[in-house]
């Protein structure tokens, strides 16, 4: 299982940086600093990085996403949010041989070609045949529980091998990439603005952050792998960062 999603990061407000990265407009004056867009492909089981791309926020997530598709392989199941449910993008993902489980907007009208006993139904997204699952998903955080209605589409068409209830449970794994971004931006970076003051320096700093996160996550996967039955995402990421800071 792999997840695809994007995030933004804040960069210094210098003349050199502004030649490549821009401030985002908004109803309340927009952002005070320029920002960049980072898009990553993450392994849900370990939160390790498979591939990443970044650049100005003037290009959207679906513009950057095709650059990550060469890293997809048959046997992978790609989890993605509703922003990635574009017909051409899903067709390109399916062409890699990987499967996809993506959220759709609840109001999106889908043709019903056949109905199955688990409540799902066969439909199409452009040239791609998909099963649609309408479900209720509850997310539990430190702030409490939130329940919402989700419409999911998947290229896993066999409702016997992949029942609707299992797909709804599987979709929870998509939030692993959100946690990975939290680790990168909050725990490693401490919520700070990037330090490099030129576009070239920002490129180097982003790669350095991604490398550090990858090393930590790989070490955590190795450590938890020595304890049978221990999920790699149960390891304390802040403790790993502290260990890296203090050394042996």
Protein backbone atom coordinates (compact mmCIF):
# COMPACT_ATOMS: atom_id res chain seq x y z
CA UNK A 1 0.00 0.00 0.00
CA UNK A 2 1.33 3.42 -0.98
CA UNK A 3 -0.17 6.87 -0.56
CA UNK A 4 0.07 9.93 -2.79
CA UNK A 5 -0.53 13.43 -1.48
CA UNK A 6 0.90 16.92 -1.37
CA UNK A 7 1.72 19.62 1.16
CA UNK A 8 3.18 23.12 1.21
CA UNK A 9 6.30 24.41 2.97
CA UNK A 10 7.29 27.97 3.81
CA UNK A 11 10.47 29.48 2.35
CA UNK A 12 12.36 32.73 3.10
CA UNK A 13 11.05 36.01 1.69
CA UNK A 14 14.13 37.09 -0.27
CA UNK A 15 14.43 38.61 -3.75
CA UNK A 16 16.28 35.54 -5.02
CA UNK A 17 13.67 33.10 -3.67
CA UNK A 18 10.82 35.19 -5.12
CA UNK A 19 12.19 34.62 -8.62
CA UNK A 20 10.96 31.02 -8.33
CA UNK A 21 8.53 30.75 -5.40
CA UNK A 22 5.53 33.01 -4.84
CA UNK A 23 3.26 34.04 -2.00
CA UNK A 24 -0.26 32.66 -2.10
CA UNK A 25 -3.17 35.05 -2.30
CA UNK A 26 -6.10 34.85 0.11
CA UNK A 27 -9.11 36.68 1.52
CA UNK A 28 -7.08 37.89 4.51
CA UNK A 29 -3.95 39.09 2.76
CA UNK A 30 -2.56 35.70 1.74
CA UNK A 31 0.63 34.13 3.07
CA UNK A 32 3.35 36.26 4.64
CA UNK A 33 6.11 34.10 3.15
CA UNK A 34 6.52 32.41 -0.23
CA UNK A 35 5.71 28.70 -0.32
CA UNK A 36 6.68 25.61 -2.27
CA UNK A 37 4.61 22.54 -3.07
CA UNK A 38 5.92 19.09 -2.14
CA UNK A 39 4.31 15.92 -3.50
CA UNK A 40 5.40 12.50 -2.27
CA UNK A 41 4.75 8.81 -2.70
CA UNK A 42 5.00 7.06 0.67
CA UNK A 43 4.89 3.40 1.72
CA UNK A 44 2.01 3.23 4.21
CA UNK A 45 3.44 0.36 6.25
CA UNK A 46 6.72 2.08 7.16
CA UNK A 47 6.14 5.73 6.15
CA UNK A 48 9.33 5.49 4.10
CA UNK A 49 9.68 7.62 0.99
CA UNK A 50 9.39 6.05 -2.45
CA UNK A 51 9.60 9.20 -4.54
CA UNK A 52 9.04 12.96 -4.26
CA UNK A 53 8.80 16.06 -6.41
CA UNK A 54 8.56 19.72 -5.46
CA UNK A 55 8.35 23.15 -7.01
CA UNK A 56 6.36 26.41 -7.04
CA UNK A 57 2.77 26.47 -5.80
CA UNK A 58 1.74 28.01 -9.11
CA UNK A 59 1.41 24.40 -10.30
CA UNK A 60 -1.19 22.19 -8.62
CA UNK A 61 -0.90 18.69 -7.18
CA UNK A 62 -2.35 17.01 -10.26
CA UNK A 63 0.28 18.76 -12.39
CA UNK A 64 3.13 17.31 -10.30
CA UNK A 65 1.57 13.86 -9.77
CA UNK A 66 2.41 12.36 -13.21
CA UNK A 67 6.13 12.82 -12.44
CA UNK A 68 5.78 10.24 -9.62
CA UNK A 69 4.01 7.57 -11.68
CA UNK A 70 7.23 5.90 -12.97
CA UNK A 71 7.79 4.77 -9.36
CA UNK A 72 4.54 2.76 -9.32
CA UNK A 73 4.70 -0.99 -9.91
CA UNK A 74 2.23 -3.88 -10.41
CA UNK A 75 1.18 -5.20 -7.01
CA UNK A 76 1.00 -1.75 -5.43
CA UNK A 77 -2.30 -0.29 -4.22
CA UNK A 78 -2.24 3.50 -4.46
CA UNK A 79 -4.37 5.41 -1.94
CA UNK A 80 -5.26 9.01 -2.79
CA UNK A 81 -7.62 11.80 -1.77
CA UNK A 82 -10.37 13.26 -3.95
CA UNK A 83 -8.08 15.91 -5.47
CA UNK A 84 -6.43 13.10 -7.49
CA UNK A 85 -9.64 11.61 -8.91
CA UNK A 86 -9.12 13.15 -12.35
CA UNK A 87 -9.93 10.79 -15.22
CA UNK A 88 -6.65 11.21 -17.13
CA UNK A 89 -4.54 10.84 -13.99
CA UNK A 90 -6.36 7.67 -12.90
CA UNK A 91 -5.98 6.21 -16.38
CA UNK A 92 -2.23 6.93 -16.22
CA UNK A 93 -2.00 5.27 -12.78
CA UNK A 94 -3.89 2.20 -14.00
CA UNK A 95 -1.52 1.98 -16.99
CA UNK A 96 1.40 1.38 -14.59
CA UNK A 97 -0.20 -1.91 -13.51
CA UNK A 98 -0.81 -0.72 -9.95
CA UNK A 99 -4.26 -0.66 -8.39
CA UNK A 100 -5.90 2.48 -7.05
CA UNK A 101 -8.29 3.34 -4.22
CA UNK A 102 -9.26 7.00 -4.41
CA UNK A 103 -11.84 9.17 -2.75
CA UNK A 104 -14.43 10.92 -4.92
CA UNK A 105 -16.48 14.00 -4.17
CA UNK A 106 -19.73 12.84 -2.58
CA UNK A 107 -21.81 14.69 -5.15
CA UNK A 108 -20.00 13.24 -8.16
CA UNK A 109 -22.48 11.36 -10.32
CA UNK A 110 -21.28 7.91 -11.36
CA UNK A 111 -22.99 5.60 -13.88
CA UNK A 112 -24.19 2.32 -12.33
CA UNK A 113 -23.30 -0.63 -14.60
CA UNK A 114 -23.87 -3.44 -12.08
CA UNK A 115 -24.63 -3.75 -8.37
CA UNK A 116 -22.98 -6.18 -5.96
CA UNK A 117 -24.17 -7.80 -2.75
CA UNK A 118 -21.66 -5.90 -0.60
CA UNK A 119 -23.31 -2.60 -1.57
CA UNK A 120 -20.67 -1.52 -4.10
CA UNK A 121 -21.38 -1.05 -7.78
CA UNK A 122 -19.49 -1.18 -11.07
CA UNK A 123 -18.90 2.12 -12.85
CA UNK A 124 -16.38 3.97 -15.02
CA UNK A 125 -14.04 6.92 -14.62
CA UNK A 126 -13.27 7.84 -18.19
CA UNK A 127 -11.75 4.73 -19.80
CA UNK A 128 -11.12 3.00 -16.44
CA UNK A 129 -13.62 0.53 -14.98
CA UNK A 130 -13.98 0.99 -11.23
CA UNK A 131 -16.05 -0.18 -8.29
CA UNK A 132 -17.68 2.54 -6.22
CA UNK A 133 -18.10 2.17 -2.46
CA UNK A 134 -20.23 4.58 -0.42
CA UNK A 135 -19.25 4.30 3.23
CA UNK A 136 -19.03 6.02 6.57
CA UNK A 137 -15.53 6.49 7.99
CA UNK A 138 -14.67 7.57 11.52
CA UNK A 139 -11.34 9.28 12.22
CA UNK A 140 -10.09 9.31 15.80
CA UNK A 141 -7.54 11.92 16.91
CA UNK A 142 -6.52 13.57 20.16
CA UNK A 143 -9.24 16.14 19.46
CA UNK A 144 -11.91 13.42 19.38
CA UNK A 145 -13.79 11.48 16.72
CA UNK A 146 -15.06 12.74 13.39
CA UNK A 147 -17.38 10.69 11.20
CA UNK A 148 -18.03 11.52 7.57
CA UNK A 149 -19.53 10.03 4.43
CA UNK A 150 -16.96 8.93 1.85
CA UNK A 151 -17.36 7.81 -1.74
CA UNK A 152 -14.45 5.63 -2.84
CA UNK A 153 -13.55 4.32 -6.29
CA UNK A 154 -11.19 1.42 -6.88
CA UNK A 155 -9.77 -0.65 -9.72
CA UNK A 156 -10.06 -3.71 -7.42
CA UNK A 157 -13.16 -4.97 -9.20
CA UNK A 158 -13.63 -8.40 -7.56
CA UNK A 159 -16.14 -7.86 -4.75
CA UNK A 160 -15.52 -11.40 -3.43
CA UNK A 161 -11.76 -10.89 -2.94
CA UNK A 162 -12.06 -7.24 -1.93
CA UNK A 163 -15.35 -6.64 -0.05
CA UNK A 164 -16.55 -3.07 0.36
CA UNK A 165 -16.05 -3.10 4.14
CA UNK A 166 -12.40 -4.13 3.75
CA UNK A 167 -11.79 -1.34 1.23
CA UNK A 168 -13.27 1.23 3.63
CA UNK A 169 -10.91 -0.05 6.35
CA UNK A 170 -7.98 -0.03 3.92
CA UNK A 171 -8.58 3.61 3.03
CA UNK A 172 -7.69 4.60 6.61
CA UNK A 173 -4.06 3.85 5.68
CA UNK A 174 -4.02 6.94 3.47
CA UNK A 175 -3.55 9.08 6.59
CA UNK A 176 -0.07 7.60 7.04
CA UNK A 177 1.23 10.13 4.52
CA UNK A 178 -0.36 12.95 6.51
CA UNK A 179 1.56 11.72 9.56
CA UNK A 180 4.75 11.52 7.50
CA UNK A 181 4.34 15.18 6.52
CA UNK A 182 3.75 16.06 10.18
CA UNK A 183 7.00 14.29 11.09
CA UNK A 184 8.87 16.16 8.38
CA UNK A 185 7.45 19.65 8.94
CA UNK A 186 6.73 19.69 12.68
CA UNK A 187 9.14 17.23 14.32
CA UNK A 188 12.26 17.59 12.12
CA UNK A 189 11.79 21.15 10.92
CA UNK A 190 10.04 22.35 14.08
CA UNK A 191 7.50 24.34 12.07
CA UNK A 192 10.23 26.76 11.00
CA UNK A 193 10.66 28.56 7.71
CA UNK A 194 13.35 26.95 5.57
CA UNK A 195 16.74 28.61 6.02
CA UNK A 196 18.20 28.68 2.50
CA UNK A 197 17.90 32.07 0.84
CA UNK A 198 18.28 31.06 -2.80
CA UNK A 199 16.28 28.65 -5.01
CA UNK A 200 19.32 26.37 -5.35
CA UNK A 201 19.82 26.34 -1.60
CA UNK A 202 16.16 25.49 -1.05
CA UNK A 203 16.50 22.50 -3.40
CA UNK A 204 19.43 21.23 -1.31
CA UNK A 205 17.59 21.82 1.97
CA UNK A 206 14.46 19.94 0.85
CA UNK A 207 16.56 16.98 -0.30
CA UNK A 208 18.42 17.03 3.03
CA UNK A 209 15.13 16.98 4.99
CA UNK A 210 13.80 14.10 2.88
CA UNK A 211 17.05 12.14 3.32
CA UNK A 212 16.99 12.61 7.11
CA UNK A 213 13.36 11.50 7.30
CA UNK A 214 14.13 8.48 5.13
CA UNK A 215 17.10 7.46 7.27
CA UNK A 216 15.08 7.76 10.47
CA UNK A 217 12.13 5.83 9.09
CA UNK A 218 14.39 3.10 7.67
CA UNK A 219 16.15 2.75 11.03
CA UNK A 220 12.78 2.57 12.80
CA UNK A 221 11.56 -0.10 10.39
CA UNK A 222 14.73 -2.12 11.03
CA UNK A 223 14.38 -1.70 14.80
CA UNK A 224 10.71 -2.70 14.95
CA UNK A 225 11.41 -5.55 12.53
CA UNK A 226 13.55 -7.14 15.25
CA UNK A 227 10.40 -7.37 17.40
CA UNK A 228 7.98 -9.73 15.63
CA UNK A 229 4.45 -8.38 15.42
CA UNK A 230 5.48 -4.76 16.02
CA UNK A 231 4.09 -2.28 13.49
CA UNK A 232 6.80 0.15 12.25
CA UNK A 233 4.46 3.12 12.68
CA UNK A 234 4.25 2.40 16.42
CA UNK A 235 7.81 3.59 16.90
CA UNK A 236 8.21 7.01 18.59
CA UNK A 237 9.42 9.32 15.83
CA UNK A 238 10.34 12.27 18.14
CA UNK A 239 12.54 9.91 20.17
CA UNK A 240 14.33 8.89 16.97
CA UNK A 241 14.99 12.54 16.17
CA UNK A 242 16.32 13.15 19.70
CA UNK A 243 18.59 10.12 19.34
CA UNK A 244 19.93 11.48 16.06
CA UNK A 245 20.57 14.87 17.67
CA UNK A 246 22.42 13.53 20.70
CA UNK A 247 24.30 10.71 18.97
CA UNK A 248 25.74 7.65 20.75
